[in-house]
Amino acid sequence: NRLCIVLRVSVAGGGSVQAIGNSLVVQSNSCVIAIGAQTTYRHKDPEL
C-alpha cells in the first residue's frame, strides 16, 4: 500500500514561501498550512 503526503503553504499579503533543501522557508504574519494524504487503498494515484 503506497502513500503520499502533500503539504502546501498559503501566505497572505506580502508573505513569501521559498523551497530550500526539501523544506519550505516561510516569511509571513499570516499563513495557512494544509496537509493532505492518501494511499493506494483508496486511490490509484494517491499524489493526485
ModelCIF file with pLDDT and N, C-alpha, C, O atoms, coordinates in Angstrom:
data_MODEL
#
_entry.id   MODEL 
#
_entity.id                         1 
_entity.type                       polymer 
_entity.pdbx_number_of_molecules   1 
#
_entity_poly.entity_id                      1 
_entity_poly.type                           'polypeptide(L)' 
_entity_poly.nstd_linkage                   no 
_entity_poly.nstd_monomer                   no 
_entity_poly.pdbx_seq_one_letter_code       NRLCIVLRVSVAGGGSVQAIGNSLVVQSNSCVIAIGAQTTYRHKDPEL 
_entity_poly.pdbx_seq_one_letter_code_can   NRLCIVLRVSVAGGGSVQAIGNSLVVQSNSCVIAIGAQTTYRHKDPEL 
_entity_poly.pdbx_strand_id                 A 
#
loop_
_entity_poly_seq.entity_id 
_entity_poly_seq.num 
_entity_poly_seq.mon_id 
_entity_poly_seq.hetero 
1 1  ASN n 
1 2  ARG n 
1 3  LEU n 
1 4  CYS n 
1 5  ILE n 
1 6  VAL n 
1 7  LEU n 
1 8  ARG n 
1 9  VAL n 
1 10 SER n 
1 11 VAL n 
1 12 ALA n 
1 13 GLY n 
1 14 GLY n 
1 15 GLY n 
1 16 SER n 
1 17 VAL n 
1 18 GLN n 
1 19 ALA n 
1 20 ILE n 
1 21 GLY n 
1 22 ASN n 
1 23 SER n 
1 24 LEU n 
1 25 VAL n 
1 26 VAL n 
1 27 GLN n 
1 28 SER n 
1 29 ASN n 
1 30 SER n 
1 31 CYS n 
1 32 VAL n 
1 33 ILE n 
1 34 ALA n 
1 35 ILE n 
1 36 GLY n 
1 37 ALA n 
1 38 GLN n 
1 39 THR n 
1 40 THR n 
1 41 TYR n 
1 42 ARG n 
1 43 HIS n 
1 44 LYS n 
1 45 ASP n 
1 46 PRO n 
1 47 GLU n 
1 48 LEU n 
#
_struct_asym.id          A 
_struct_asym.entity_id   1 
#
loop_
_ma_qa_metric.id 
_ma_qa_metric.mode 
_ma_qa_metric.name 
_ma_qa_metric.software_group_id 
_ma_qa_metric.type 
1 global pLDDT . pLDDT 
2 local  pLDDT . pLDDT 
#
_ma_qa_metric_global.metric_id      1 
_ma_qa_metric_global.metric_value   95.79 
_ma_qa_metric_global.model_id       1 
_ma_qa_metric_global.ordinal_id     1 
#
loop_
_ma_qa_metric_local.label_asym_id 
_ma_qa_metric_local.label_comp_id 
_ma_qa_metric_local.label_seq_id 
_ma_qa_metric_local.metric_id 
_ma_qa_metric_local.metric_value 
_ma_qa_metric_local.model_id 
_ma_qa_metric_local.ordinal_id 
A ASN 1  2 90.00 1 1  
A ARG 2  2 95.00 1 2  
A LEU 3  2 96.00 1 3  
A CYS 4  2 98.00 1 4  
A ILE 5  2 98.00 1 5  
A VAL 6  2 98.00 1 6  
A LEU 7  2 98.00 1 7  
A ARG 8  2 98.00 1 8  
A VAL 9  2 98.00 1 9  
A SER 10 2 97.00 1 10 
A VAL 11 2 96.00 1 11 
A ALA 12 2 86.00 1 12 
A GLY 13 2 81.00 1 13 
A GLY 14 2 83.00 1 14 
A GLY 15 2 91.00 1 15 
A SER 16 2 96.00 1 16 
A VAL 17 2 96.00 1 17 
A GLN 18 2 97.00 1 18 
A ALA 19 2 97.00 1 19 
A ILE 20 2 96.00 1 20 
A GLY 21 2 92.00 1 21 
A ASN 22 2 93.00 1 22 
A SER 23 2 97.00 1 23 
A LEU 24 2 98.00 1 24 
A VAL 25 2 98.00 1 25 
A VAL 26 2 97.00 1 26 
A GLN 27 2 97.00 1 27 
A SER 28 2 96.00 1 28 
A ASN 29 2 96.00 1 29 
A SER 30 2 96.00 1 30 
A CYS 31 2 97.00 1 31 
A VAL 32 2 98.00 1 32 
A ILE 33 2 98.00 1 33 
A ALA 34 2 98.00 1 34 
A ILE 35 2 98.00 1 35 
A GLY 36 2 98.00 1 36 
A ALA 37 2 98.00 1 37 
A GLN 38 2 98.00 1 38 
A THR 39 2 97.00 1 39 
A THR 40 2 96.00 1 40 
A TYR 41 2 96.00 1 41 
A ARG 42 2 97.00 1 42 
A HIS 43 2 97.00 1 43 
A LYS 44 2 96.00 1 44 
A ASP 45 2 97.00 1 45 
A PRO 46 2 98.00 1 46 
A GLU 47 2 98.00 1 47 
A LEU 48 2 98.00 1 48 
#
loop_
_atom_site.group_PDB 
_atom_site.id 
_atom_site.type_symbol 
_atom_site.label_atom_id 
_atom_site.label_alt_id 
_atom_site.label_comp_id 
_atom_site.label_asym_id 
_atom_site.label_entity_id 
_atom_site.label_seq_id 
_atom_site.pdbx_PDB_ins_code 
_atom_site.Cartn_x 
_atom_site.Cartn_y 
_atom_site.Cartn_z 
_atom_site.occupancy 
_atom_site.B_iso_or_equiv 
_atom_site.pdbx_formal_charge 
_atom_site.auth_seq_id 
_atom_site.auth_comp_id 
_atom_site.auth_asym_id 
_atom_site.auth_atom_id 
_atom_site.pdbx_PDB_model_num 
ATOM 1   N N  . ASN A 1 1  ? 0.838  -1.184 0.000  1.00 90.00 ? 1  ASN A N  1 
ATOM 2   C CA . ASN A 1 1  ? 0.000  0.000  0.000  1.00 90.00 ? 1  ASN A CA 1 
ATOM 3   C C  . ASN A 1 1  ? 0.886  1.252  0.000  1.00 90.00 ? 1  ASN A C  1 
ATOM 4   O O  . ASN A 1 1  ? 1.582  1.502  0.985  1.00 90.00 ? 1  ASN A O  1 
ATOM 5   N N  . ARG A 1 2  ? 0.878  2.042  -1.078 1.00 95.00 ? 2  ARG A N  1 
ATOM 6   C CA . ARG A 1 2  ? 1.712  3.245  -1.173 1.00 95.00 ? 2  ARG A CA 1 
ATOM 7   C C  . ARG A 1 2  ? 0.962  4.446  -0.611 1.00 95.00 ? 2  ARG A C  1 
ATOM 8   O O  . ARG A 1 2  ? -0.267 4.514  -0.660 1.00 95.00 ? 2  ARG A O  1 
ATOM 9   N N  . LEU A 1 3  ? 1.735  5.394  -0.075 1.00 96.00 ? 3  LEU A N  1 
ATOM 10  C CA . LEU A 1 3  ? 1.142  6.605  0.484  1.00 96.00 ? 3  LEU A CA 1 
ATOM 11  C C  . LEU A 1 3  ? 1.807  7.843  -0.086 1.00 96.00 ? 3  LEU A C  1 
ATOM 12  O O  . LEU A 1 3  ? 2.941  7.799  -0.561 1.00 96.00 ? 3  LEU A O  1 
ATOM 13  N N  . CYS A 1 4  ? 1.085  8.933  -0.029 1.00 98.00 ? 4  CYS A N  1 
ATOM 14  C CA . CYS A 1 4  ? 1.637  10.228 -0.419 1.00 98.00 ? 4  CYS A CA 1 
ATOM 15  C C  . CYS A 1 4  ? 1.073  11.310 0.506  1.00 98.00 ? 4  CYS A C  1 
ATOM 16  O O  . CYS A 1 4  ? -0.131 11.368 0.757  1.00 98.00 ? 4  CYS A O  1 
ATOM 17  N N  . ILE A 1 5  ? 1.973  12.166 1.006  1.00 98.00 ? 5  ILE A N  1 
ATOM 18  C CA . ILE A 1 5  ? 1.586  13.349 1.767  1.00 98.00 ? 5  ILE A CA 1 
ATOM 19  C C  . ILE A 1 5  ? 1.889  14.575 0.918  1.00 98.00 ? 5  ILE A C  1 
ATOM 20  O O  . ILE A 1 5  ? 2.976  14.695 0.354  1.00 98.00 ? 5  ILE A O  1 
ATOM 21  N N  . VAL A 1 6  ? 0.932  15.474 0.832  1.00 98.00 ? 6  VAL A N  1 
ATOM 22  C CA . VAL A 1 6  ? 1.143  16.750 0.156  1.00 98.00 ? 6  VAL A CA 1 
ATOM 23  C C  . VAL A 1 6  ? 0.883  17.866 1.160  1.00 98.00 ? 6  VAL A C  1 
ATOM 24  O O  . VAL A 1 6  ? -0.209 17.964 1.718  1.00 98.00 ? 6  VAL A O  1 
ATOM 25  N N  . LEU A 1 7  ? 1.872  18.693 1.383  1.00 98.00 ? 7  LEU A N  1 
ATOM 26  C CA . LEU A 1 7  ? 1.751  19.854 2.268  1.00 98.00 ? 7  LEU A CA 1 
ATOM 27  C C  . LEU A 1 7  ? 1.896  21.113 1.425  1.00 98.00 ? 7  LEU A C  1 
ATOM 28  O O  . LEU A 1 7  ? 2.814  21.227 0.613  1.00 98.00 ? 7  LEU A O  1 
ATOM 29  N N  . ARG A 1 8  ? 0.993  22.045 1.623  1.00 98.00 ? 8  ARG A N  1 
ATOM 30  C CA . ARG A 1 8  ? 1.061  23.311 0.885  1.00 98.00 ? 8  ARG A CA 1 
ATOM 31  C C  . ARG A 1 8  ? 0.866  24.477 1.844  1.00 98.00 ? 8  ARG A C  1 
ATOM 32  O O  . ARG A 1 8  ? 0.030  24.419 2.746  1.00 98.00 ? 8  ARG A O  1 
ATOM 33  N N  . VAL A 1 9  ? 1.647  25.541 1.639  1.00 98.00 ? 9  VAL A N  1 
ATOM 34  C CA . VAL A 1 9  ? 1.558  26.756 2.453  1.00 98.00 ? 9  VAL A CA 1 
ATOM 35  C C  . VAL A 1 9  ? 0.975  27.883 1.615  1.00 98.00 ? 9  VAL A C  1 
ATOM 36  O O  . VAL A 1 9  ? 1.422  28.138 0.497  1.00 98.00 ? 9  VAL A O  1 
ATOM 37  N N  . SER A 1 10 ? -0.020 28.547 2.165  1.00 97.00 ? 10 SER A N  1 
ATOM 38  C CA . SER A 1 10 ? -0.620 29.701 1.506  1.00 97.00 ? 10 SER A CA 1 
ATOM 39  C C  . SER A 1 10 ? -0.418 30.918 2.413  1.00 97.00 ? 10 SER A C  1 
ATOM 40  O O  . SER A 1 10 ? -0.874 30.931 3.556  1.00 97.00 ? 10 SER A O  1 
ATOM 41  N N  . VAL A 1 11 ? 0.275  31.943 1.890  1.00 96.00 ? 11 VAL A N  1 
ATOM 42  C CA . VAL A 1 11 ? 0.579  33.122 2.705  1.00 96.00 ? 11 VAL A CA 1 
ATOM 43  C C  . VAL A 1 11 ? -0.308 34.290 2.282  1.00 96.00 ? 11 VAL A C  1 
ATOM 44  O O  . VAL A 1 11 ? -0.765 34.373 1.141  1.00 96.00 ? 11 VAL A O  1 
ATOM 45  N N  . ALA A 1 12 ? -0.535 35.183 3.236  1.00 86.00 ? 12 ALA A N  1 
ATOM 46  C CA . ALA A 1 12 ? -1.355 36.364 2.976  1.00 86.00 ? 12 ALA A CA 1 
ATOM 47  C C  . ALA A 1 12 ? -0.471 37.584 2.789  1.00 86.00 ? 12 ALA A C  1 
ATOM 48  O O  . ALA A 1 12 ? 0.679  37.605 3.228  1.00 86.00 ? 12 ALA A O  1 
ATOM 49  N N  . GLY A 1 13 ? -1.016 38.600 2.133  1.00 81.00 ? 13 GLY A N  1 
ATOM 50  C CA . GLY A 1 13 ? -0.329 39.889 1.994  1.00 81.00 ? 13 GLY A CA 1 
ATOM 51  C C  . GLY A 1 13 ? 1.024  39.759 1.314  1.00 81.00 ? 13 GLY A C  1 
ATOM 52  O O  . GLY A 1 13 ? 1.141  39.154 0.248  1.00 81.00 ? 13 GLY A O  1 
ATOM 53  N N  . GLY A 1 14 ? 2.039  40.330 1.939  1.00 83.00 ? 14 GLY A N  1 
ATOM 54  C CA . GLY A 1 14 ? 3.361  40.335 1.330  1.00 83.00 ? 14 GLY A CA 1 
ATOM 55  C C  . GLY A 1 14 ? 4.236  39.190 1.758  1.00 83.00 ? 14 GLY A C  1 
ATOM 56  O O  . GLY A 1 14 ? 5.458  39.284 1.641  1.00 83.00 ? 14 GLY A O  1 
ATOM 57  N N  . GLY A 1 15 ? 3.659  38.102 2.253  1.00 91.00 ? 15 GLY A N  1 
ATOM 58  C CA . GLY A 1 15 ? 4.447  36.967 2.691  1.00 91.00 ? 15 GLY A CA 1 
ATOM 59  C C  . GLY A 1 15 ? 5.096  36.235 1.533  1.00 91.00 ? 15 GLY A C  1 
ATOM 60  O O  . GLY A 1 15 ? 4.774  36.476 0.369  1.00 91.00 ? 15 GLY A O  1 
ATOM 61  N N  . SER A 1 16 ? 6.013  35.338 1.864  1.00 96.00 ? 16 SER A N  1 
ATOM 62  C CA . SER A 1 16 ? 6.726  34.579 0.836  1.00 96.00 ? 16 SER A CA 1 
ATOM 63  C C  . SER A 1 16 ? 6.980  33.164 1.326  1.00 96.00 ? 16 SER A C  1 
ATOM 64  O O  . SER A 1 16 ? 7.038  32.901 2.527  1.00 96.00 ? 16 SER A O  1 
ATOM 65  N N  . VAL A 1 17 ? 7.130  32.254 0.360  1.00 96.00 ? 17 VAL A N  1 
ATOM 66  C CA . VAL A 1 17 ? 7.479  30.862 0.626  1.00 96.00 ? 17 VAL A CA 1 
ATOM 67  C C  . VAL A 1 17 ? 8.589  30.476 -0.333 1.00 96.00 ? 17 VAL A C  1 
ATOM 68  O O  . VAL A 1 17 ? 8.460  30.668 -1.542 1.00 96.00 ? 17 VAL A O  1 
ATOM 69  N N  . GLN A 1 18 ? 9.693  29.926 0.199  1.00 97.00 ? 18 GLN A N  1 
ATOM 70  C CA . GLN A 1 18 ? 10.831 29.539 -0.619 1.00 97.00 ? 18 GLN A CA 1 
ATOM 71  C C  . GLN A 1 18 ? 11.193 28.087 -0.323 1.00 97.00 ? 18 GLN A C  1 
ATOM 72  O O  . GLN A 1 18 ? 11.307 27.698 0.839  1.00 97.00 ? 18 GLN A O  1 
ATOM 73  N N  . ALA A 1 19 ? 11.374 27.287 -1.369 1.00 97.00 ? 19 ALA A N  1 
ATOM 74  C CA . ALA A 1 19 ? 11.775 25.889 -1.213 1.00 97.00 ? 19 ALA A CA 1 
ATOM 75  C C  . ALA A 1 19 ? 13.294 25.813 -1.150 1.00 97.00 ? 19 ALA A C  1 
ATOM 76  O O  . ALA A 1 19 ? 13.983 26.232 -2.081 1.00 97.00 ? 19 ALA A O  1 
ATOM 77  N N  . ILE A 1 20 ? 13.816 25.275 -0.045 1.00 96.00 ? 20 ILE A N  1 
ATOM 78  C CA . ILE A 1 20 ? 15.258 25.120 0.140  1.00 96.00 ? 20 ILE A CA 1 
ATOM 79  C C  . ILE A 1 20 ? 15.509 23.748 0.760  1.00 96.00 ? 20 ILE A C  1 
ATOM 80  O O  . ILE A 1 20 ? 15.024 23.451 1.852  1.00 96.00 ? 20 ILE A O  1 
ATOM 81  N N  . GLY A 1 21 ? 16.271 22.916 0.052  1.00 92.00 ? 21 GLY A N  1 
ATOM 82  C CA . GLY A 1 21 ? 16.678 21.627 0.604  1.00 92.00 ? 21 GLY A CA 1 
ATOM 83  C C  . GLY A 1 21 ? 15.528 20.746 1.041  1.00 92.00 ? 21 GLY A C  1 
ATOM 84  O O  . GLY A 1 21 ? 15.579 20.161 2.123  1.00 92.00 ? 21 GLY A O  1 
ATOM 85  N N  . ASN A 1 22 ? 14.499 20.638 0.234  1.00 93.00 ? 22 ASN A N  1 
ATOM 86  C CA . ASN A 1 22 ? 13.315 19.826 0.517  1.00 93.00 ? 22 ASN A CA 1 
ATOM 87  C C  . ASN A 1 22 ? 12.534 20.287 1.748  1.00 93.00 ? 22 ASN A C  1 
ATOM 88  O O  . ASN A 1 22 ? 11.756 19.529 2.327  1.00 93.00 ? 22 ASN A O  1 
ATOM 89  N N  . SER A 1 23 ? 12.758 21.545 2.135  1.00 97.00 ? 23 SER A N  1 
ATOM 90  C CA . SER A 1 23 ? 11.966 22.193 3.170  1.00 97.00 ? 23 SER A CA 1 
ATOM 91  C C  . SER A 1 23 ? 11.405 23.488 2.606  1.00 97.00 ? 23 SER A C  1 
ATOM 92  O O  . SER A 1 23 ? 11.798 23.917 1.521  1.00 97.00 ? 23 SER A O  1 
ATOM 93  N N  . LEU A 1 24 ? 10.493 24.109 3.335  1.00 98.00 ? 24 LEU A N  1 
ATOM 94  C CA . LEU A 1 24 ? 9.937  25.398 2.943  1.00 98.00 ? 24 LEU A CA 1 
ATOM 95  C C  . LEU A 1 24 ? 10.296 26.435 3.991  1.00 98.00 ? 24 LEU A C  1 
ATOM 96  O O  . LEU A 1 24 ? 10.129 26.201 5.188  1.00 98.00 ? 24 LEU A O  1 
ATOM 97  N N  . VAL A 1 25 ? 10.785 27.574 3.545  1.00 98.00 ? 25 VAL A N  1 
ATOM 98  C CA . VAL A 1 25 ? 11.068 28.699 4.424  1.00 98.00 ? 25 VAL A CA 1 
ATOM 99  C C  . VAL A 1 25 ? 9.964  29.729 4.211  1.00 98.00 ? 25 VAL A C  1 
ATOM 100 O O  . VAL A 1 25 ? 9.774  30.237 3.106  1.00 98.00 ? 25 VAL A O  1 
ATOM 101 N N  . VAL A 1 26 ? 9.249  30.023 5.275  1.00 97.00 ? 26 VAL A N  1 
ATOM 102 C CA . VAL A 1 26 ? 8.074  30.891 5.181  1.00 97.00 ? 26 VAL A CA 1 
ATOM 103 C C  . VAL A 1 26 ? 8.370  32.215 5.881  1.00 97.00 ? 26 VAL A C  1 
ATOM 104 O O  . VAL A 1 26 ? 8.907  32.235 6.989  1.00 97.00 ? 26 VAL A O  1 
ATOM 105 N N  . GLN A 1 27 ? 8.015  33.318 5.224  1.00 97.00 ? 27 GLN A N  1 
ATOM 106 C CA . GLN A 1 27 ? 8.116  34.659 5.807  1.00 97.00 ? 27 GLN A CA 1 
ATOM 107 C C  . GLN A 1 27 ? 6.718  35.267 5.739  1.00 97.00 ? 27 GLN A C  1 
ATOM 108 O O  . GLN A 1 27 ? 6.209  35.553 4.655  1.00 97.00 ? 27 GLN A O  1 
ATOM 109 N N  . SER A 1 28 ? 6.090  35.464 6.930  1.00 96.00 ? 28 SER A N  1 
ATOM 110 C CA . SER A 1 28 ? 4.702  35.931 6.899  1.00 96.00 ? 28 SER A CA 1 
ATOM 111 C C  . SER A 1 28 ? 4.236  36.267 8.308  1.00 96.00 ? 28 SER A C  1 
ATOM 112 O O  . SER A 1 28 ? 4.820  35.819 9.295  1.00 96.00 ? 28 SER A O  1 
ATOM 113 N N  . ASN A 1 29 ? 3.175  37.061 8.385  1.00 96.00 ? 29 ASN A N  1 
ATOM 114 C CA . ASN A 1 29 ? 2.496  37.248 9.668  1.00 96.00 ? 29 ASN A CA 1 
ATOM 115 C C  . ASN A 1 29 ? 1.125  36.573 9.671  1.00 96.00 ? 29 ASN A C  1 
ATOM 116 O O  . ASN A 1 29 ? 0.391  36.643 10.657 1.00 96.00 ? 29 ASN A O  1 
ATOM 117 N N  . SER A 1 30 ? 0.790  35.918 8.556  1.00 96.00 ? 30 SER A N  1 
ATOM 118 C CA . SER A 1 30 ? -0.467 35.174 8.480  1.00 96.00 ? 30 SER A CA 1 
ATOM 119 C C  . SER A 1 30 ? -0.385 34.173 7.330  1.00 96.00 ? 30 SER A C  1 
ATOM 120 O O  . SER A 1 30 ? -0.246 34.561 6.170  1.00 96.00 ? 30 SER A O  1 
ATOM 121 N N  . CYS A 1 31 ? -0.470 32.901 7.654  1.00 97.00 ? 31 CYS A N  1 
ATOM 122 C CA . CYS A 1 31 ? -0.433 31.880 6.608  1.00 97.00 ? 31 CYS A CA 1 
ATOM 123 C C  . CYS A 1 31 ? -1.258 30.682 7.036  1.00 97.00 ? 31 CYS A C  1 
ATOM 124 O O  . CYS A 1 31 ? -1.568 30.503 8.214  1.00 97.00 ? 31 CYS A O  1 
ATOM 125 N N  . VAL A 1 32 ? -1.605 29.872 6.057  1.00 98.00 ? 32 VAL A N  1 
ATOM 126 C CA . VAL A 1 32 ? -2.356 28.641 6.303  1.00 98.00 ? 32 VAL A CA 1 
ATOM 127 C C  . VAL A 1 32 ? -1.579 27.473 5.721  1.00 98.00 ? 32 VAL A C  1 
ATOM 128 O O  . VAL A 1 32 ? -1.125 27.527 4.578  1.00 98.00 ? 32 VAL A O  1 
ATOM 129 N N  . ILE A 1 33 ? -1.429 26.424 6.508  1.00 98.00 ? 33 ILE A N  1 
ATOM 130 C CA . ILE A 1 33 ? -0.788 25.191 6.049  1.00 98.00 ? 33 ILE A CA 1 
ATOM 131 C C  . ILE A 1 33 ? -1.864 24.121 5.921  1.00 98.00 ? 33 ILE A C  1 
ATOM 132 O O  . ILE A 1 33 ? -2.617 23.871 6.862  1.00 98.00 ? 33 ILE A O  1 
ATOM 133 N N  . ALA A 1 34 ? -1.932 23.495 4.760  1.00 98.00 ? 34 ALA A N  1 
ATOM 134 C CA . ALA A 1 34 ? -2.861 22.389 4.532  1.00 98.00 ? 34 ALA A CA 1 
ATOM 135 C C  . ALA A 1 34 ? -2.048 21.121 4.285  1.00 98.00 ? 34 ALA A C  1 
ATOM 136 O O  . ALA A 1 34 ? -1.092 21.124 3.511  1.00 98.00 ? 34 ALA A O  1 
ATOM 137 N N  . ILE A 1 35 ? -2.440 20.044 4.950  1.00 98.00 ? 35 ILE A N  1 
ATOM 138 C CA . ILE A 1 35 ? -1.779 18.750 4.776  1.00 98.00 ? 35 ILE A CA 1 
ATOM 139 C C  . ILE A 1 35 ? -2.826 17.748 4.316  1.00 98.00 ? 35 ILE A C  1 
ATOM 140 O O  . ILE A 1 35 ? -3.825 17.503 4.992  1.00 98.00 ? 35 ILE A O  1 
ATOM 141 N N  . GLY A 1 36 ? -2.566 17.178 3.146  1.00 98.00 ? 36 GLY A N  1 
ATOM 142 C CA . GLY A 1 36 ? -3.424 16.126 2.614  1.00 98.00 ? 36 GLY A CA 1 
ATOM 143 C C  . GLY A 1 36 ? -2.627 14.844 2.485  1.00 98.00 ? 36 GLY A C  1 
ATOM 144 O O  . GLY A 1 36 ? -1.411 14.879 2.298  1.00 98.00 ? 36 GLY A O  1 
ATOM 145 N N  . ALA A 1 37 ? -3.300 13.721 2.583  1.00 98.00 ? 37 ALA A N  1 
ATOM 146 C CA . ALA A 1 37 ? -2.620 12.433 2.443  1.00 98.00 ? 37 ALA A CA 1 
ATOM 147 C C  . ALA A 1 37 ? -3.611 11.397 1.935  1.00 98.00 ? 37 ALA A C  1 
ATOM 148 O O  . ALA A 1 37 ? -4.772 11.374 2.344  1.00 98.00 ? 37 ALA A O  1 
ATOM 149 N N  . GLN A 1 38 ? -3.140 10.550 1.046  1.00 98.00 ? 38 GLN A N  1 
ATOM 150 C CA . GLN A 1 38 ? -3.952 9.458  0.528  1.00 98.00 ? 38 GLN A CA 1 
ATOM 151 C C  . GLN A 1 38 ? -3.046 8.252  0.302  1.00 98.00 ? 38 GLN A C  1 
ATOM 152 O O  . GLN A 1 38 ? -1.822 8.377  0.265  1.00 98.00 ? 38 GLN A O  1 
ATOM 153 N N  . THR A 1 39 ? -3.663 7.087  0.152  1.00 97.00 ? 39 THR A N  1 
ATOM 154 C CA . THR A 1 39 ? -2.919 5.864  -0.139 1.00 97.00 ? 39 THR A CA 1 
ATOM 155 C C  . THR A 1 39 ? -3.586 5.132  -1.292 1.00 97.00 ? 39 THR A C  1 
ATOM 156 O O  . THR A 1 39 ? -4.688 5.481  -1.715 1.00 97.00 ? 39 THR A O  1 
ATOM 157 N N  . THR A 1 40 ? -2.900 4.111  -1.793 1.00 96.00 ? 40 THR A N  1 
ATOM 158 C CA . THR A 1 40 ? -3.468 3.306  -2.877 1.00 96.00 ? 40 THR A CA 1 
ATOM 159 C C  . THR A 1 40 ? -4.601 2.413  -2.377 1.00 96.00 ? 40 THR A C  1 
ATOM 160 O O  . THR A 1 40 ? -5.249 1.750  -3.186 1.00 96.00 ? 40 THR A O  1 
ATOM 161 N N  . TYR A 1 41 ? -4.857 2.377  -1.092 1.00 96.00 ? 41 TYR A N  1 
ATOM 162 C CA . TYR A 1 41 ? -6.018 1.668  -0.582 1.00 96.00 ? 41 TYR A CA 1 
ATOM 163 C C  . TYR A 1 41 ? -7.305 2.278  -1.129 1.00 96.00 ? 41 TYR A C  1 
ATOM 164 O O  . TYR A 1 41 ? -8.288 1.574  -1.360 1.00 96.00 ? 41 TYR A O  1 
ATOM 165 N N  . ARG A 1 42 ? -7.287 3.605  -1.334 1.00 97.00 ? 42 ARG A N  1 
ATOM 166 C CA . ARG A 1 42 ? -8.482 4.291  -1.828 1.00 97.00 ? 42 ARG A CA 1 
ATOM 167 C C  . ARG A 1 42 ? -8.300 4.880  -3.226 1.00 97.00 ? 42 ARG A C  1 
ATOM 168 O O  . ARG A 1 42 ? -9.278 5.035  -3.957 1.00 97.00 ? 42 ARG A O  1 
ATOM 169 N N  . HIS A 1 43 ? -7.075 5.209  -3.609 1.00 97.00 ? 43 HIS A N  1 
ATOM 170 C CA . HIS A 1 43 ? -6.869 5.917  -4.873 1.00 97.00 ? 43 HIS A CA 1 
ATOM 171 C C  . HIS A 1 43 ? -5.683 5.319  -5.638 1.00 97.00 ? 43 HIS A C  1 
ATOM 172 O O  . HIS A 1 43 ? -4.627 5.055  -5.064 1.00 97.00 ? 43 HIS A O  1 
ATOM 173 N N  . LYS A 1 44 ? -5.875 5.118  -6.908 1.00 96.00 ? 44 LYS A N  1 
ATOM 174 C CA . LYS A 1 44 ? -4.798 4.583  -7.748 1.00 96.00 ? 44 LYS A CA 1 
ATOM 175 C C  . LYS A 1 44 ? -3.617 5.528  -7.773 1.00 96.00 ? 44 LYS A C  1 
ATOM 176 O O  . LYS A 1 44 ? -2.468 5.088  -7.783 1.00 96.00 ? 44 LYS A O  1 
ATOM 177 N N  . ASP A 1 45 ? -3.891 6.843  -7.784 1.00 97.00 ? 45 ASP A N  1 
ATOM 178 C CA . ASP A 1 45 ? -2.839 7.857  -7.787 1.00 97.00 ? 45 ASP A CA 1 
ATOM 179 C C  . ASP A 1 45 ? -2.980 8.693  -6.514 1.00 97.00 ? 45 ASP A C  1 
ATOM 180 O O  . ASP A 1 45 ? -3.668 9.713  -6.529 1.00 97.00 ? 45 ASP A O  1 
ATOM 181 N N  . PRO A 1 46 ? -2.338 8.279  -5.404 1.00 98.00 ? 46 PRO A N  1 
ATOM 182 C CA . PRO A 1 46 ? -2.535 8.993  -4.137 1.00 98.00 ? 46 PRO A CA 1 
ATOM 183 C C  . PRO A 1 46 ? -2.001 10.415 -4.159 1.00 98.00 ? 46 PRO A C  1 
ATOM 184 O O  . PRO A 1 46 ? -2.533 11.273 -3.455 1.00 98.00 ? 46 PRO A O  1 
ATOM 185 N N  . GLU A 1 47 ? -0.949 10.700 -4.957 1.00 98.00 ? 47 GLU A N  1 
ATOM 186 C CA . GLU A 1 47 ? -0.443 12.071 -5.011 1.00 98.00 ? 47 GLU A CA 1 
ATOM 187 C C  . GLU A 1 47 ? -1.472 12.999 -5.632 1.00 98.00 ? 47 GLU A C  1 
ATOM 188 O O  . GLU A 1 47 ? -1.714 14.098 -5.132 1.00 98.00 ? 47 GLU A O  1 
ATOM 189 N N  . LEU A 1 48 ? -2.073 12.554 -6.722 1.00 98.00 ? 48 LEU A N  1 
ATOM 190 C CA . LEU A 1 48 ? -3.086 13.383 -7.371 1.00 98.00 ? 48 LEU A CA 1 
ATOM 191 C C  . LEU A 1 48 ? -4.251 13.643 -6.422 1.00 98.00 ? 48 LEU A C  1 
ATOM 192 O O  . LEU A 1 48 ? -5.207 14.325 -6.790 1.00 98.00 ? 48 LEU A O  1 
#
